[in-house]
C-alpha cells in the first residue's frame, strides 16, 4: 500500500509566527498609506491569511496582490534574519521528525517556497519533505490538485493541515481530508491517527 500524504501549512502549523505576521502585515499597510482604511483595519483585526489581506488591499487600492505578498515576505525575511531560532510548535516538529518515513510530507503555504526551504534548512527538517509548495507555485487548492495528479489519485490518502478556516474551505472541493490545526491538549499524532485509522 502506498504511503499516505500529509500536507502542512507552515505559518501557524509548523512555525509559530502569529506576532511576526501581524507586524509584517501592519508595516505593509502603513507603507501603502492604508492605516486609516476601515476595511483594512477590520481585516487586520481578524485572523486572516496573507492572501486574504492582499486581496482586500487590492479591493481598496488596486495594488497588485503579488506585490503585496512579496512585500509581506520581504518584511518577514527581515525580521527572521535577526533571529537565530524560529518559534515552532514543538508537537508538530516532533511529529515530523518521528513520522517522516511513514508518511510523505509536503507543504502548502502562502510563504514563498525559497523562504520555506531556508527556514526548514535551519530547523534541520528540509530533507523530510518531498516537495515545498508555496504561493509561487499555485493556490492552496491547485497545490492539492497537483498532489492528486502526481502522487495519488485517491483523495482520502491526503491530509491537509492549516490553521485558517478559509484555507481549509478552499481545498474542501478536492475531497481530501482536512484538519483545522490548533495547538491544544490533543497531540498531532493522535489527531492524524484518528483520520488515517487504517
Protein backbone atom coordinates (compact mmCIF):
# COMPACT_ATOMS: atom_id res chain seq x y z
CA UNK A 1 0.00 0.00 0.00
CA UNK A 2 1.36 3.46 -0.90
CA UNK A 3 2.22 5.94 1.83
CA UNK A 4 -0.35 8.43 2.99
CA UNK A 5 0.40 12.09 2.31
CA UNK A 6 0.38 14.86 4.89
CA UNK A 7 0.40 18.44 3.63
CA UNK A 8 1.40 21.15 6.09
CA UNK A 9 0.70 24.83 6.06
CA UNK A 10 3.80 26.47 7.57
CA UNK A 11 2.79 29.70 9.33
CA UNK A 12 0.58 28.68 12.25
CA UNK A 13 1.16 24.92 11.91
CA UNK A 14 4.94 24.42 11.99
CA UNK A 15 6.16 27.95 12.70
CA UNK A 16 4.50 29.92 15.49
CA UNK A 17 4.78 33.24 13.74
CA UNK A 18 1.49 34.96 14.54
CA UNK A 19 3.03 38.09 16.06
CA UNK A 20 5.65 38.47 13.33
CA UNK A 21 2.98 38.06 10.66
CA UNK A 22 0.81 40.75 12.24
CA UNK A 23 3.83 43.08 12.46
CA UNK A 24 4.68 42.48 8.79
CA UNK A 25 1.05 42.90 7.71
CA UNK A 26 0.78 46.16 9.64
CA UNK A 27 4.03 47.51 8.18
CA UNK A 28 2.88 46.82 4.62
CA UNK A 29 -0.45 48.51 5.32
CA UNK A 30 1.42 51.57 6.65
CA UNK A 31 3.73 51.59 3.62
CA UNK A 32 0.70 51.64 1.34
CA UNK A 33 -0.92 54.50 3.27
CA UNK A 34 -3.93 52.36 4.24
CA UNK A 35 -3.68 52.53 8.04
CA UNK A 36 -6.88 54.59 8.21
CA UNK A 37 -8.93 52.43 5.82
CA UNK A 38 -11.77 50.79 7.79
CA UNK A 39 -11.89 47.65 5.61
CA UNK A 40 -8.15 47.09 6.02
CA UNK A 41 -8.26 47.76 9.79
CA UNK A 42 -11.13 45.27 10.11
CA UNK A 43 -9.15 42.73 8.06
CA UNK A 44 -6.05 43.17 10.26
CA UNK A 45 -8.18 42.68 13.39
CA UNK A 46 -9.48 39.41 12.01
CA UNK A 47 -7.10 36.47 11.86
CA UNK A 48 -6.62 36.12 8.10
CA UNK A 49 -4.01 34.76 5.74
CA UNK A 50 -1.65 36.99 3.82
CA UNK A 51 -3.58 36.07 0.65
CA UNK A 52 -6.83 37.45 2.08
CA UNK A 53 -5.08 40.64 3.19
CA UNK A 54 -3.55 41.04 -0.28
CA UNK A 55 -7.00 40.67 -1.87
CA UNK A 56 -8.50 43.29 0.47
CA UNK A 57 -5.66 45.70 -0.27
CA UNK A 58 -6.29 45.18 -3.98
CA UNK A 59 -10.01 45.94 -3.47
CA UNK A 60 -9.32 49.34 -1.92
CA UNK A 61 -6.15 50.43 -3.72
CA UNK A 62 -5.60 48.36 -6.89
CA UNK A 63 -2.14 47.41 -5.58
CA UNK A 64 -1.23 44.11 -7.24
CA UNK A 65 -1.72 41.14 -4.89
CA UNK A 66 1.60 39.61 -5.97
CA UNK A 67 3.39 42.83 -4.95
CA UNK A 68 1.68 42.76 -1.56
CA UNK A 69 2.68 39.13 -1.00
CA UNK A 70 6.27 39.91 -1.98
CA UNK A 71 6.37 42.92 0.38
CA UNK A 72 4.99 40.84 3.27
CA UNK A 73 7.60 38.14 2.58
CA UNK A 74 10.33 40.79 2.47
CA UNK A 75 9.39 42.13 5.90
CA UNK A 76 9.11 38.63 7.37
CA UNK A 77 12.55 37.75 5.96
CA UNK A 78 13.93 40.94 7.51
CA UNK A 79 12.53 40.03 10.93
CA UNK A 80 13.62 36.40 10.60
CA UNK A 81 17.19 37.40 9.69
CA UNK A 82 17.51 38.98 13.13
CA UNK A 83 16.61 35.73 14.88
CA UNK A 84 18.82 32.71 15.42
CA UNK A 85 15.92 30.41 16.14
CA UNK A 86 12.38 30.18 14.82
CA UNK A 87 9.50 29.80 17.26
CA UNK A 88 7.96 26.44 16.42
CA UNK A 89 5.07 24.28 17.54
CA UNK A 90 7.07 21.57 19.26
CA UNK A 91 4.34 18.94 18.88
CA UNK A 92 4.34 19.43 15.10
CA UNK A 93 8.14 19.33 14.91
CA UNK A 94 8.28 16.12 16.97
CA UNK A 95 5.63 14.56 14.71
CA UNK A 96 7.60 15.45 11.56
CA UNK A 97 10.84 14.05 12.97
CA UNK A 98 9.15 10.88 14.17
CA UNK A 99 6.99 10.07 11.13
CA UNK A 100 8.85 11.32 8.04
CA UNK A 101 9.47 7.72 6.95
CA UNK A 102 5.87 6.60 7.47
CA UNK A 103 4.22 9.44 5.51
CA UNK A 104 5.08 11.60 2.52
CA UNK A 105 5.34 15.20 3.71
CA UNK A 106 4.65 18.32 1.62
CA UNK A 107 4.00 21.97 2.34
CA UNK A 108 1.12 24.06 1.05
CA UNK A 109 1.83 27.55 2.29
CA UNK A 110 1.31 31.19 1.45
CA UNK A 111 5.04 31.67 2.06
CA UNK A 112 7.46 31.76 -0.87
CA UNK A 113 8.96 28.29 -1.38
CA UNK A 114 12.55 29.57 -1.12
CA UNK A 115 11.77 31.19 2.26
CA UNK A 116 10.25 27.93 3.47
CA UNK A 117 13.31 26.00 2.30
CA UNK A 118 15.63 28.37 4.18
CA UNK A 119 13.61 28.02 7.38
CA UNK A 120 13.42 24.23 7.10
CA UNK A 121 17.16 24.05 6.44
CA UNK A 122 17.80 25.92 9.70
CA UNK A 123 15.35 23.64 11.54
CA UNK A 124 17.03 20.52 10.05
CA UNK A 125 13.74 19.25 8.55
CA UNK A 126 14.09 20.13 4.86
CA UNK A 127 15.07 16.57 3.90
CA UNK A 128 11.89 15.23 5.49
CA UNK A 129 9.73 16.86 2.80
CA UNK A 130 9.14 15.57 -0.70
CA UNK A 131 8.29 19.00 -2.14
CA UNK A 132 7.94 22.54 -0.85
CA UNK A 133 4.84 24.12 -2.41
CA UNK A 134 4.23 27.81 -1.80
CA UNK A 135 2.37 30.78 -3.21
CA UNK A 136 4.90 30.95 -6.05
CA UNK A 137 3.66 27.59 -7.34
CA UNK A 138 -0.15 27.68 -7.27
CA UNK A 139 -3.07 28.42 -4.96
CA UNK A 140 -3.75 26.17 -1.98
CA UNK A 141 -6.38 24.24 -3.94
CA UNK A 142 -4.19 23.97 -7.05
CA UNK A 143 -1.31 22.64 -4.94
CA UNK A 144 -3.58 19.87 -3.61
CA UNK A 145 -4.82 19.12 -7.14
CA UNK A 146 -1.18 18.83 -8.23
CA UNK A 147 -0.54 16.24 -5.50
CA UNK A 148 -3.63 14.31 -6.60
CA UNK A 149 -2.32 14.23 -10.17
CA UNK A 150 1.30 13.43 -9.41
CA UNK A 151 1.31 11.32 -6.23
CA UNK A 152 -2.07 9.67 -5.65
CA UNK A 153 -5.43 9.73 -7.39
CA UNK A 154 -7.22 8.75 -4.17
CA UNK A 155 -8.15 11.89 -2.25
CA UNK A 156 -8.55 10.06 1.07
CA UNK A 157 -4.80 9.32 1.03
CA UNK A 158 -4.12 13.04 1.61
CA UNK A 159 -4.47 15.09 4.78
CA UNK A 160 -4.13 18.88 4.62
CA UNK A 161 -3.41 20.79 7.86
CA UNK A 162 -3.97 24.53 8.10
CA UNK A 163 -4.67 26.94 10.95
CA UNK A 164 -7.13 29.11 8.99
CA UNK A 165 -10.66 28.01 8.13
CA UNK A 166 -10.70 29.94 4.83
CA UNK A 167 -7.75 27.86 3.61
CA UNK A 168 -9.47 24.64 4.67
CA UNK A 169 -12.60 25.78 2.82
CA UNK A 170 -10.55 26.42 -0.31
CA UNK A 171 -9.40 22.79 -0.58
CA UNK A 172 -12.64 21.06 0.53
CA UNK A 173 -13.80 20.64 -3.12
CA UNK A 174 -10.80 18.30 -3.70
CA UNK A 175 -12.29 15.83 -1.17
CA UNK A 176 -9.02 15.36 0.71
CA UNK A 177 -9.01 15.01 4.49
CA UNK A 178 -8.59 18.36 6.24
CA UNK A 179 -7.64 19.31 9.76
CA UNK A 180 -8.03 22.79 11.23
CA UNK A 181 -4.85 22.92 13.27
CA UNK A 182 -4.79 24.13 16.86
CA UNK A 183 -2.06 23.76 19.45
CA UNK A 184 -4.11 22.13 22.19
CA UNK A 185 -4.03 19.21 24.62
CA UNK A 186 -4.60 16.58 21.89
CA UNK A 187 -1.34 15.56 20.19
CA UNK A 188 -0.96 15.86 16.44
CA UNK A 189 -0.11 12.15 16.38
CA UNK A 190 -3.49 11.29 17.89
CA UNK A 191 -5.34 13.63 15.52
CA UNK A 192 -3.65 12.09 12.47
CA UNK A 193 -4.28 8.55 13.69
CA UNK A 194 -7.97 9.36 14.10
CA UNK A 195 -8.08 10.47 10.45
CA UNK A 196 -5.85 7.73 8.97
CA UNK A 197 -7.18 4.97 11.23
CA UNK A 198 -6.29 2.14 8.85
